[in-house]
Protein backbone atom coordinates (compact mmCIF):
# COMPACT_ATOMS: atom_id res chain seq x y z
CA UNK A 1 118.02 127.27 147.98
CA UNK A 2 120.26 126.33 145.09
CA UNK A 3 119.92 122.65 145.97
CA UNK A 4 116.13 122.91 146.01
CA UNK A 5 116.15 124.57 142.61
CA UNK A 6 118.47 121.89 141.29
CA UNK A 7 116.24 119.14 142.66
CA UNK A 8 113.13 120.71 141.13
CA UNK A 9 114.94 121.11 137.84
CA UNK A 10 116.17 117.52 137.82
CA UNK A 11 112.72 116.14 138.59
CA UNK A 12 111.21 118.25 135.83
CA UNK A 13 113.49 116.72 133.20
CA UNK A 14 111.59 113.48 132.85
CA UNK A 15 112.96 109.99 132.31
CA UNK A 16 114.79 110.01 128.99
CA UNK A 17 113.67 112.84 126.73
CA UNK A 18 114.37 116.52 127.01
CA UNK A 19 111.39 118.58 128.06
CA UNK A 20 110.29 121.66 126.10
CA UNK A 21 112.31 124.72 127.03
CA UNK A 22 115.61 122.90 127.62
CA UNK A 23 118.77 122.36 125.63
CA UNK A 24 119.45 119.00 127.24
CA UNK A 25 119.10 116.08 124.89
CA UNK A 26 119.29 113.46 127.65
CA UNK A 27 118.13 113.37 131.25
CA UNK A 28 120.62 114.57 133.85
CA UNK A 29 122.33 111.50 135.34
CA UNK A 30 121.27 110.09 138.66
CA UNK A 31 123.90 109.79 141.36
CA UNK A 32 125.89 106.55 141.35
CA UNK A 33 125.59 106.22 145.12
CA UNK A 34 123.39 103.14 145.25
CA UNK A 35 120.35 102.97 147.50
CA UNK A 36 120.19 104.84 150.78
CA UNK A 37 121.14 102.39 153.54
CA UNK A 38 118.28 101.04 155.63
CA UNK A 39 118.34 101.46 159.39
CA UNK A 40 118.69 98.15 161.23
CA UNK A 41 115.68 96.82 163.06
CA UNK A 42 115.89 96.91 166.82
CA UNK A 43 116.41 93.56 168.52
CA UNK A 44 113.34 91.63 169.60
CA UNK A 45 114.69 91.48 173.14
CA UNK A 46 116.94 93.92 174.92
CA UNK A 47 117.76 91.33 177.54
CA UNK A 48 119.68 88.91 175.30
CA UNK A 49 123.30 90.00 175.02
CA UNK A 50 123.86 88.17 171.71
CA UNK A 51 120.99 90.08 170.10
CA UNK A 52 122.29 93.38 171.48
CA UNK A 53 125.80 92.65 170.20
CA UNK A 54 124.50 91.77 166.76
CA UNK A 55 122.32 94.88 166.71
CA UNK A 56 125.26 97.06 167.72
CA UNK A 57 127.32 95.57 164.88
CA UNK A 58 124.52 96.31 162.44
CA UNK A 59 124.24 99.89 163.73
CA UNK A 60 128.00 100.38 163.29
CA UNK A 61 127.80 99.01 159.75
CA UNK A 62 124.79 101.21 159.01
CA UNK A 63 126.61 104.30 160.31
CA UNK A 64 129.58 103.59 158.04
CA UNK A 65 127.30 103.07 155.03
CA UNK A 66 125.31 106.21 155.86
CA UNK A 67 128.49 108.31 155.96
CA UNK A 68 129.62 106.91 152.58
CA UNK A 69 126.17 107.51 151.10
CA UNK A 70 126.01 111.05 152.46
CA UNK A 71 129.48 111.82 151.12
CA UNK A 72 128.54 110.45 147.70
CA UNK A 73 125.31 112.48 147.54
CA UNK A 74 127.18 115.59 148.71
CA UNK A 75 129.74 115.13 145.93
CA UNK A 76 126.95 114.60 143.40
CA UNK A 77 125.20 117.82 144.45
CA UNK A 78 128.50 119.75 144.41
CA UNK A 79 129.23 118.46 140.90
CA UNK A 80 125.69 119.31 139.78
CA UNK A 81 126.11 122.84 141.11
CA UNK A 82 129.39 123.08 139.18
CA UNK A 83 127.54 121.95 136.04
CA UNK A 84 124.89 124.60 136.61
CA UNK A 85 127.58 127.26 136.99
CA UNK A 86 129.35 126.15 133.79
CA UNK A 87 126.06 126.28 131.88
CA UNK A 88 125.24 129.70 133.32
CA UNK A 89 128.68 131.10 132.42
CA UNK A 90 128.53 129.67 128.90
CA UNK A 91 125.01 130.98 128.32
CA UNK A 92 125.96 134.43 129.63
CA UNK A 93 129.05 134.54 127.39
CA UNK A 94 126.90 133.65 124.39
CA UNK A 95 124.36 136.33 125.30
CA UNK A 96 127.11 138.92 125.81
CA UNK A 97 128.62 138.06 122.42
CA UNK A 98 125.22 138.29 120.75
CA UNK A 99 124.63 141.77 122.20
CA UNK A 100 127.96 143.17 121.00
CA UNK A 101 127.64 145.32 117.88
């Protein structure tokens, strides 16, 4: 649920300017993970061993890239959740201080 809220919030920020109702002066950064790896195309023939070997190599390479990409995105989301928590704590502390007599 938190990830969905974060995603909705990030998409609502816009490209470069802060939207009304936010304290952000710049857009939240995109992840530096590069593009999501593309799945390799299946070989034209499943009867040619050279094509199968090449395809299997491409699948292995894709799997390695997909793991790296998934790890990077997971770290990005974890860091974004940490940012959200820091903002929430800071905002709450400010509100608590403002309410003190």
